[in-house]
Protein backbone atom coordinates (compact mmCIF):
# COMPACT_ATOMS: atom_id res chain seq x y z
CA MET A 1 -98.67 -154.51 85.47
CA ILE A 2 -98.81 -150.79 85.00
CA ALA A 3 -101.05 -150.08 88.33
CA ALA A 4 -98.11 -151.84 90.25
CA ALA A 5 -96.10 -148.79 89.89
CA GLN A 6 -98.62 -146.57 91.99
CA ASN A 7 -98.28 -148.72 95.01
CA THR A 8 -94.46 -148.82 95.04
CA THR A 9 -93.18 -147.14 98.13
CA SER A 10 -89.50 -146.41 98.47
CA GLU A 11 -86.88 -143.96 99.89
CA THR A 12 -85.37 -143.15 96.60
CA PRO A 13 -86.16 -139.68 95.52
CA VAL A 14 -88.49 -138.52 92.66
CA GLN A 15 -86.10 -137.55 89.83
CA TRP A 16 -86.15 -136.55 86.07
CA PHE A 17 -84.86 -139.25 83.96
CA ALA A 18 -84.02 -139.03 80.22
CA MET A 19 -85.52 -141.85 78.23
CA SER A 20 -85.90 -143.16 74.79
CA ALA A 21 -89.05 -144.38 73.23
CA THR A 22 -87.81 -146.28 70.10
CA PHE A 23 -89.37 -145.97 66.82
CA ARG A 24 -91.11 -142.79 67.25
CA ARG A 25 -93.54 -144.02 69.87
CA GLU A 26 -92.79 -141.39 72.40
CA ILE A 27 -96.53 -140.17 72.60
CA LYS A 28 -97.67 -143.56 73.10
CA ALA A 29 -95.13 -144.07 75.91
CA ARG A 30 -96.24 -140.76 77.44
CA ALA A 31 -100.14 -141.75 77.38
CA LEU A 32 -99.16 -145.06 79.29
CA LEU A 33 -96.90 -143.53 81.79
CA GLU A 34 -99.59 -140.93 82.49
CA ALA A 35 -102.21 -143.48 82.79
CA ALA A 36 -100.01 -145.16 85.49
CA GLY A 37 -99.77 -141.70 87.22
CA ILE A 38 -96.23 -140.81 86.26
CA GLU A 39 -95.35 -137.39 84.98
CA CYS A 40 -93.37 -137.09 81.80
CA PHE A 41 -92.52 -134.31 79.41
CA ILE A 42 -91.93 -134.36 75.53
CA PRO A 43 -90.61 -131.09 73.98
CA MET A 44 -92.96 -130.47 71.21
CA LYS A 45 -92.96 -128.18 68.03
CA TYR A 46 -95.44 -127.10 65.26
CA MET A 47 -94.43 -128.60 61.85
CA ALA A 48 -95.93 -128.26 58.41
CA VAL A 49 -97.27 -131.61 57.32
CA THR A 50 -98.84 -132.79 54.02
CA LYS A 51 -102.23 -134.69 54.82
CA ARG A 52 -103.31 -137.71 52.66
CA ASP A 53 -105.58 -135.61 50.77
CA GLY A 54 -102.56 -133.39 49.75
CA ARG A 55 -103.76 -130.47 52.21
CA LYS A 56 -101.01 -128.86 54.15
CA ALA A 57 -101.61 -128.20 57.89
CA LYS A 58 -99.54 -127.45 60.97
CA GLU A 59 -99.34 -130.15 63.33
CA LEU A 60 -97.83 -130.54 66.90
CA VAL A 61 -94.94 -133.07 66.82
CA PRO A 62 -92.17 -134.00 69.03
CA ALA A 63 -89.33 -131.69 68.66
CA VAL A 64 -86.65 -134.42 69.19
CA HIS A 65 -87.92 -138.00 68.24
CA ASN A 66 -87.57 -140.83 70.69
CA LEU A 67 -86.84 -138.49 73.38
CA ILE A 68 -88.90 -138.46 76.66
CA PHE A 69 -88.27 -137.20 80.26
CA VAL A 70 -89.86 -139.10 83.08
CA HIS A 71 -90.32 -137.68 86.51
CA ALA A 72 -90.68 -140.45 89.15
CA ARG A 73 -88.83 -142.84 91.32
CA ARG A 74 -86.53 -145.24 89.57
CA GLU A 75 -88.43 -148.36 91.02
CA GLU A 76 -91.86 -146.86 89.63
CA ILE A 77 -90.41 -146.30 86.28
CA GLN A 78 -88.83 -149.83 86.17
CA ALA A 79 -92.29 -151.39 87.20
CA VAL A 80 -94.23 -149.66 84.42
CA LYS A 81 -91.30 -150.30 81.85
CA ALA A 82 -91.96 -153.82 82.17
CA ASP A 83 -95.03 -153.41 80.17
CA ILE A 84 -93.63 -150.98 77.74
CA PRO A 85 -90.49 -152.73 76.04
CA TYR A 86 -89.82 -149.91 73.68
CA LEU A 87 -89.15 -147.42 76.56
CA GLN A 88 -85.46 -147.52 77.22
CA TRP A 89 -83.05 -145.67 79.54
CA LEU A 90 -80.72 -143.05 78.07
CA THR A 91 -77.38 -144.02 79.81
CA ARG A 92 -74.20 -142.57 80.60
CA PRO A 93 -70.90 -144.10 81.53
CA CYS A 94 -69.84 -144.31 85.23
CA ASP A 95 -67.19 -146.37 86.82
CA GLY A 96 -67.10 -148.96 83.90
CA ARG A 97 -70.91 -149.41 83.95
CA ASN A 98 -73.90 -147.52 82.13
CA ILE A 99 -76.30 -145.68 84.45
CA PRO A 100 -79.51 -143.97 83.66
CA THR A 101 -79.27 -140.33 82.99
CA ILE A 102 -80.54 -138.08 85.62
CA VAL A 103 -81.52 -134.61 84.80
CA PRO A 104 -81.26 -132.19 87.70
CA ASP A 105 -84.59 -130.50 88.75
CA LYS A 106 -83.72 -126.94 88.24
CA ASP A 107 -82.25 -127.71 84.53
CA MET A 108 -85.37 -129.66 83.92
CA GLU A 109 -87.70 -126.76 85.06
CA GLN A 110 -85.61 -124.23 82.91
CA PHE A 111 -85.94 -126.43 79.92
CA ILE A 112 -89.79 -127.14 80.26
CA GLN A 113 -90.21 -123.22 80.90
CA VAL A 114 -88.43 -122.40 77.63
CA THR A 115 -90.00 -125.20 75.40
CA ARG A 116 -93.34 -125.63 76.91
CA ASP A 117 -95.12 -123.22 74.29
CA SER A 118 -93.93 -125.17 71.32
CA ASN A 119 -92.36 -121.88 69.97
CA GLU A 120 -91.48 -122.37 66.30
CA LYS A 121 -88.49 -120.15 66.57
CA LEU A 122 -86.76 -122.65 69.05
CA VAL A 123 -83.82 -124.47 67.65
CA TYR A 124 -83.04 -127.96 69.08
CA LEU A 125 -79.39 -128.92 69.11
CA ARG A 126 -77.37 -132.00 69.88
CA PRO A 127 -74.52 -131.80 72.49
CA ASP A 128 -71.83 -132.07 69.86
CA GLU A 129 -73.28 -129.07 68.00
CA ILE A 130 -72.55 -126.73 70.97
CA ASP A 131 -69.54 -125.49 72.44
CA LEU A 132 -70.58 -123.71 75.48
CA ARG A 133 -67.01 -122.68 76.38
CA LYS A 134 -67.11 -120.04 73.52
CA GLY A 135 -70.14 -118.49 75.21
CA THR A 136 -71.10 -116.08 77.86
CA PRO A 137 -72.97 -117.38 80.91
CA ILE A 138 -76.01 -115.06 81.47
CA ARG A 139 -79.42 -114.80 83.36
CA ILE A 140 -82.65 -113.45 81.78
CA LEU A 141 -84.12 -110.82 83.88
CA GLY A 142 -87.87 -110.03 82.78
CA GLY A 143 -90.27 -111.26 80.19
CA PRO A 144 -91.58 -114.85 79.86
CA PHE A 145 -88.20 -116.41 80.66
CA ASN A 146 -87.34 -114.47 83.71
CA GLY A 147 -84.81 -116.31 85.70
CA ILE A 148 -83.68 -118.67 83.04
CA GLU A 149 -79.92 -119.21 83.01
CA GLY A 150 -78.24 -120.11 79.89
CA THR A 151 -75.09 -119.30 77.79
CA PHE A 152 -75.30 -116.45 75.11
CA ILE A 153 -73.50 -118.00 72.16
CA LYS A 154 -73.33 -117.77 68.56
CA ILE A 155 -75.25 -120.71 66.66
CA GLN A 156 -74.17 -122.10 63.31
CA GLY A 157 -76.50 -120.94 60.69
CA HIS A 158 -78.07 -118.11 62.42
CA ARG A 159 -77.22 -114.42 62.28
CA ASN A 160 -77.47 -113.22 65.94
CA ARG A 161 -76.27 -114.78 69.11
CA ARG A 162 -78.89 -116.66 71.14
CA VAL A 163 -79.57 -117.91 74.65
CA VAL A 164 -79.08 -121.76 74.71
CA VAL A 165 -80.29 -123.64 77.65
CA MET A 166 -78.57 -127.13 77.82
CA LEU A 167 -79.39 -130.37 79.54
CA LYS A 168 -75.72 -131.76 79.70
CA GLY A 169 -75.07 -134.50 77.35
CA ILE A 170 -78.82 -134.79 76.19
CA ILE A 171 -79.95 -131.85 74.30
CA GLY A 172 -79.77 -127.92 73.98
CA VAL A 173 -82.42 -125.57 72.94
CA ALA A 174 -81.51 -122.25 71.39
CA MET A 175 -84.13 -119.58 72.21
CA ALA A 176 -85.27 -116.51 69.87
CA GLU A 177 -83.16 -113.52 70.34
CA VAL A 178 -83.46 -111.83 73.73
CA THR A 179 -83.05 -108.03 74.05
CA PRO A 180 -79.71 -107.06 75.61
CA ASP A 181 -81.66 -105.13 78.42
CA LEU A 182 -83.09 -108.34 79.66
CA ILE A 183 -79.63 -110.15 80.02
CA GLU A 184 -77.44 -110.17 83.28
CA VAL A 185 -73.99 -111.47 82.72
CA LEU A 186 -73.14 -114.15 85.42
């Protein structure tokens, strides 16, 4: 069962995997994974919702539905996944097969640093909405995002250029405007 994941010993490295929890069950999947001792991350945002009694309130909800990042060995995830049928691998094609999408640790650390505060000004983008070739690679120097590397690019529907941190093929997040004195061109 779920406890079996904790007893797995293997030589495979701990990695970040992009996964999908179908039918908006990412919060439930996170609770089950954390109960099994597996680290995971869901980008969250505050959203205005109408309660049943008609009142409006801000509620913390997943920024991208069905998306969850899991940090563990593949075997540990596979053992827990047997008890969570709605948790699926996000895959990419490789040599005629589909393999689980692995997010490099550095990219995931930067993505978490940018999204962990659930800032309302963040804009989440699908990979097909961004053409990084048109942007300038930069690094932020100072402030809460010190050391973050991204692409300075114009986002459709927004007046100013923004820094975009991209998880290749999965998701991108555009930060609020960053002052030019904090930007170093790479």
